[in-house]
Amino acid sequence: MATSGFERFEFSRAGYRAILRSDGVRDMLQDKADAVRQAAERHVPDGVYLIADTNVGANRAGATVIGVPMRLEQAKRVLGSAIDAAR
């Protein structure tokens, strides 16, 4: 049987986890969260302050945008409509 000359790829859980928790991924997520925050700020009244933040958990980094009152989100879907800014 002929071989391709390539070694078989072996998945490294530790390497994959290190990438998901890396500073580069966290920076990218912060940029996306900031974009969503800026898009949402155009639709909230004065006095409502939004926060975009990142964190690193046990397995991966994550980003959050908070600050829209639930009644406003239900009525106008401020964050729901701003999520496309993260693309």
N, C-alpha and C. Protein backbone atom coordinates (compact mmCIF):
# COMPACT_ATOMS: atom_id res chain seq x y z
N MET A 1 0.84 -1.17 0.00
CA MET A 1 0.00 0.00 0.00
C MET A 1 0.89 1.24 0.00
N ALA A 2 0.61 2.17 -0.86
CA ALA A 2 1.40 3.39 -0.97
C ALA A 2 1.03 4.35 0.16
N THR A 3 2.02 5.07 0.64
CA THR A 3 1.76 6.06 1.69
C THR A 3 1.94 7.45 1.11
N SER A 4 1.29 8.41 1.73
CA SER A 4 1.35 9.78 1.22
C SER A 4 2.62 10.51 1.64
N GLY A 5 3.32 10.00 2.62
CA GLY A 5 4.53 10.66 3.09
C GLY A 5 4.24 11.64 4.22
N PHE A 6 2.99 11.82 4.55
CA PHE A 6 2.62 12.71 5.65
C PHE A 6 2.41 11.90 6.93
N GLU A 7 2.75 12.52 8.03
CA GLU A 7 2.48 11.86 9.30
C GLU A 7 1.01 12.06 9.66
N ARG A 8 0.50 11.14 10.41
CA ARG A 8 -0.89 11.24 10.84
C ARG A 8 -1.02 12.36 11.88
N PHE A 9 -2.05 13.18 11.72
CA PHE A 9 -2.30 14.27 12.66
C PHE A 9 -2.83 13.70 13.97
N GLU A 10 -2.25 14.14 15.06
CA GLU A 10 -2.73 13.72 16.37
C GLU A 10 -3.21 14.95 17.13
N PHE A 11 -4.45 14.90 17.54
CA PHE A 11 -5.09 15.98 18.27
C PHE A 11 -4.47 16.11 19.65
N SER A 12 -4.16 17.33 20.06
CA SER A 12 -3.61 17.58 21.38
C SER A 12 -4.60 18.41 22.19
N ARG A 13 -5.24 17.78 23.16
CA ARG A 13 -6.20 18.50 23.99
C ARG A 13 -5.55 19.67 24.70
N ALA A 14 -4.38 19.47 25.22
CA ALA A 14 -3.69 20.55 25.94
C ALA A 14 -3.36 21.71 25.00
N GLY A 15 -2.96 21.41 23.79
CA GLY A 15 -2.65 22.46 22.82
C GLY A 15 -3.89 23.23 22.39
N TYR A 16 -4.97 22.50 22.17
CA TYR A 16 -6.24 23.12 21.78
C TYR A 16 -6.74 24.03 22.91
N ARG A 17 -6.68 23.54 24.13
CA ARG A 17 -7.10 24.32 25.30
C ARG A 17 -6.23 25.57 25.47
N ALA A 18 -4.93 25.43 25.24
CA ALA A 18 -4.02 26.58 25.37
C ALA A 18 -4.37 27.66 24.35
N ILE A 19 -4.74 27.26 23.15
CA ILE A 19 -5.13 28.24 22.14
C ILE A 19 -6.42 28.94 22.55
N LEU A 20 -7.41 28.18 23.00
CA LEU A 20 -8.70 28.77 23.40
C LEU A 20 -8.57 29.72 24.58
N ARG A 21 -7.52 29.56 25.38
CA ARG A 21 -7.31 30.42 26.55
C ARG A 21 -6.24 31.48 26.30
N SER A 22 -5.72 31.57 25.10
CA SER A 22 -4.58 32.45 24.81
C SER A 22 -4.96 33.93 24.82
N ASP A 23 -3.94 34.77 24.96
CA ASP A 23 -4.14 36.22 24.93
C ASP A 23 -4.67 36.68 23.57
N GLY A 24 -4.25 36.02 22.51
CA GLY A 24 -4.72 36.38 21.18
C GLY A 24 -6.22 36.17 21.02
N VAL A 25 -6.72 35.05 21.53
CA VAL A 25 -8.15 34.78 21.47
C VAL A 25 -8.90 35.76 22.36
N ARG A 26 -8.35 36.03 23.53
CA ARG A 26 -9.00 36.98 24.44
C ARG A 26 -9.06 38.38 23.82
N ASP A 27 -7.99 38.80 23.16
CA ASP A 27 -7.97 40.11 22.50
C ASP A 27 -9.01 40.18 21.38
N MET A 28 -9.11 39.09 20.60
CA MET A 28 -10.09 39.05 19.51
C MET A 28 -11.51 39.13 20.06
N LEU A 29 -11.77 38.40 21.14
CA LEU A 29 -13.09 38.43 21.75
C LEU A 29 -13.41 39.80 22.34
N GLN A 30 -12.40 40.48 22.90
CA GLN A 30 -12.62 41.82 23.44
C GLN A 30 -12.97 42.79 22.32
N ASP A 31 -12.29 42.67 21.19
CA ASP A 31 -12.61 43.53 20.03
C ASP A 31 -14.05 43.31 19.57
N LYS A 32 -14.48 42.05 19.52
CA LYS A 32 -15.84 41.75 19.10
C LYS A 32 -16.87 42.25 20.12
N ALA A 33 -16.57 42.09 21.39
CA ALA A 33 -17.48 42.58 22.43
C ALA A 33 -17.58 44.10 22.38
N ASP A 34 -16.46 44.77 22.14
CA ASP A 34 -16.48 46.24 22.02
C ASP A 34 -17.32 46.68 20.83
N ALA A 35 -17.24 45.95 19.73
CA ALA A 35 -18.04 46.28 18.55
C ALA A 35 -19.53 46.12 18.84
N VAL A 36 -19.89 45.06 19.54
CA VAL A 36 -21.30 44.85 19.90
C VAL A 36 -21.76 45.95 20.86
N ARG A 37 -20.93 46.30 21.83
CA ARG A 37 -21.27 47.37 22.77
C ARG A 37 -21.51 48.68 22.04
N GLN A 38 -20.62 49.02 21.11
CA GLN A 38 -20.76 50.27 20.37
C GLN A 38 -22.03 50.27 19.52
N ALA A 39 -22.35 49.15 18.91
CA ALA A 39 -23.57 49.06 18.10
C ALA A 39 -24.81 49.17 18.98
N ALA A 40 -24.77 48.59 20.16
CA ALA A 40 -25.93 48.62 21.06
C ALA A 40 -26.10 50.00 21.69
N GLU A 41 -25.01 50.71 21.91
CA GLU A 41 -25.10 52.03 22.55
C GLU A 41 -25.91 53.03 21.73
N ARG A 42 -26.00 52.81 20.43
CA ARG A 42 -26.79 53.71 19.58
C ARG A 42 -28.28 53.58 19.84
N HIS A 43 -28.70 52.50 20.51
CA HIS A 43 -30.13 52.22 20.69
C HIS A 43 -30.59 52.28 22.14
N VAL A 44 -29.72 52.70 23.04
CA VAL A 44 -30.12 52.81 24.44
C VAL A 44 -30.25 54.27 24.83
N PRO A 45 -31.14 54.58 25.75
CA PRO A 45 -31.29 55.97 26.18
C PRO A 45 -30.10 56.44 27.01
N ASP A 46 -29.97 57.75 27.15
CA ASP A 46 -28.91 58.31 27.98
C ASP A 46 -29.07 57.79 29.40
N GLY A 47 -27.95 57.55 30.04
CA GLY A 47 -27.97 57.05 31.41
C GLY A 47 -27.84 55.54 31.51
N VAL A 48 -27.92 54.84 30.39
CA VAL A 48 -27.72 53.39 30.39
C VAL A 48 -26.29 53.15 29.91
N TYR A 49 -25.49 52.52 30.75
CA TYR A 49 -24.09 52.28 30.42
C TYR A 49 -23.86 50.80 30.17
N LEU A 50 -23.25 50.49 29.06
CA LEU A 50 -22.97 49.10 28.70
C LEU A 50 -21.51 48.79 28.99
N ILE A 51 -21.26 47.55 29.36
CA ILE A 51 -19.91 47.09 29.67
C ILE A 51 -19.59 45.90 28.79
N ALA A 52 -18.43 45.93 28.16
CA ALA A 52 -17.93 44.80 27.38
C ALA A 52 -16.69 44.28 28.09
N ASP A 53 -16.67 43.00 28.42
CA ASP A 53 -15.56 42.44 29.19
C ASP A 53 -15.27 41.02 28.72
N THR A 54 -14.06 40.57 29.00
CA THR A 54 -13.67 39.20 28.70
C THR A 54 -13.22 38.52 29.98
N ASN A 55 -13.25 37.20 29.94
CA ASN A 55 -12.74 36.41 31.05
C ASN A 55 -12.14 35.13 30.50
N VAL A 56 -11.32 34.49 31.30
CA VAL A 56 -10.74 33.21 30.92
C VAL A 56 -11.21 32.19 31.93
N GLY A 57 -11.94 31.20 31.46
CA GLY A 57 -12.44 30.14 32.31
C GLY A 57 -11.50 28.95 32.32
N ALA A 58 -12.00 27.86 32.81
CA ALA A 58 -11.19 26.65 32.92
C ALA A 58 -10.80 26.10 31.56
N ASN A 59 -11.67 26.26 30.56
CA ASN A 59 -11.41 25.67 29.26
C ASN A 59 -11.23 26.65 28.13
N ARG A 60 -11.79 27.86 28.26
CA ARG A 60 -11.71 28.81 27.15
C ARG A 60 -11.96 30.22 27.63
N ALA A 61 -11.62 31.17 26.77
CA ALA A 61 -11.91 32.58 27.03
C ALA A 61 -13.32 32.87 26.55
N GLY A 62 -13.95 33.87 27.15
CA GLY A 62 -15.29 34.25 26.76
C GLY A 62 -15.45 35.76 26.86
N ALA A 63 -16.47 36.28 26.24
CA ALA A 63 -16.75 37.71 26.26
C ALA A 63 -18.21 37.94 26.61
N THR A 64 -18.48 39.07 27.28
CA THR A 64 -19.82 39.41 27.70
C THR A 64 -20.07 40.89 27.51
N VAL A 65 -21.27 41.23 27.08
CA VAL A 65 -21.72 42.62 27.02
C VAL A 65 -22.95 42.69 27.92
N ILE A 66 -22.89 43.56 28.93
CA ILE A 66 -24.00 43.66 29.87
C ILE A 66 -24.39 45.12 30.08
N GLY A 67 -25.56 45.32 30.64
CA GLY A 67 -25.98 46.65 31.00
C GLY A 67 -27.32 47.07 30.44
N VAL A 68 -27.90 46.29 29.54
CA VAL A 68 -29.20 46.64 28.98
C VAL A 68 -30.28 46.11 29.91
N PRO A 69 -31.14 46.98 30.42
CA PRO A 69 -32.23 46.49 31.28
C PRO A 69 -33.11 45.49 30.53
N MET A 70 -33.56 44.48 31.23
CA MET A 70 -34.34 43.41 30.60
C MET A 70 -35.58 43.95 29.89
N ARG A 71 -36.26 44.93 30.47
CA ARG A 71 -37.47 45.48 29.84
C ARG A 71 -37.13 46.12 28.50
N LEU A 72 -35.95 46.77 28.42
CA LEU A 72 -35.53 47.39 27.17
C LEU A 72 -35.13 46.34 26.14
N GLU A 73 -34.45 45.30 26.60
CA GLU A 73 -34.06 44.21 25.68
C GLU A 73 -35.29 43.50 25.14
N GLN A 74 -36.28 43.28 25.98
CA GLN A 74 -37.50 42.61 25.53
C GLN A 74 -38.28 43.48 24.54
N ALA A 75 -38.28 44.78 24.76
CA ALA A 75 -39.06 45.66 23.91
C ALA A 75 -38.36 45.97 22.59
N LYS A 76 -37.04 46.19 22.63
CA LYS A 76 -36.32 46.66 21.44
C LYS A 76 -35.24 45.71 20.93
N ARG A 77 -34.96 44.63 21.67
CA ARG A 77 -33.89 43.68 21.29
C ARG A 77 -32.59 44.40 20.96
N VAL A 78 -32.13 45.21 21.89
CA VAL A 78 -30.93 46.02 21.68
C VAL A 78 -29.71 45.14 21.44
N LEU A 79 -29.43 44.23 22.35
CA LEU A 79 -28.26 43.35 22.19
C LEU A 79 -28.49 42.32 21.09
N GLY A 80 -29.72 41.85 20.97
CA GLY A 80 -30.03 40.88 19.92
C GLY A 80 -29.77 41.42 18.53
N SER A 81 -30.06 42.70 18.33
CA SER A 81 -29.83 43.29 17.01
C SER A 81 -28.39 43.75 16.82
N ALA A 82 -27.66 43.94 17.92
CA ALA A 82 -26.27 44.42 17.84
C ALA A 82 -25.27 43.29 17.68
N ILE A 83 -25.69 42.04 17.85
CA ILE A 83 -24.76 40.91 17.83
C ILE A 83 -24.07 40.76 16.47
N ASP A 84 -24.70 41.19 15.39
CA ASP A 84 -24.07 41.08 14.08
C ASP A 84 -22.81 41.92 13.96
N ALA A 85 -22.62 42.88 14.83
CA ALA A 85 -21.41 43.69 14.81
C ALA A 85 -20.17 42.87 15.16
N ALA A 86 -20.36 41.69 15.73
CA ALA A 86 -19.24 40.84 16.11
C ALA A 86 -18.67 40.05 14.93
N ARG A 87 -19.30 40.11 13.79
CA ARG A 87 -18.81 39.33 12.65
C ARG A 87 -17.53 39.84 12.11
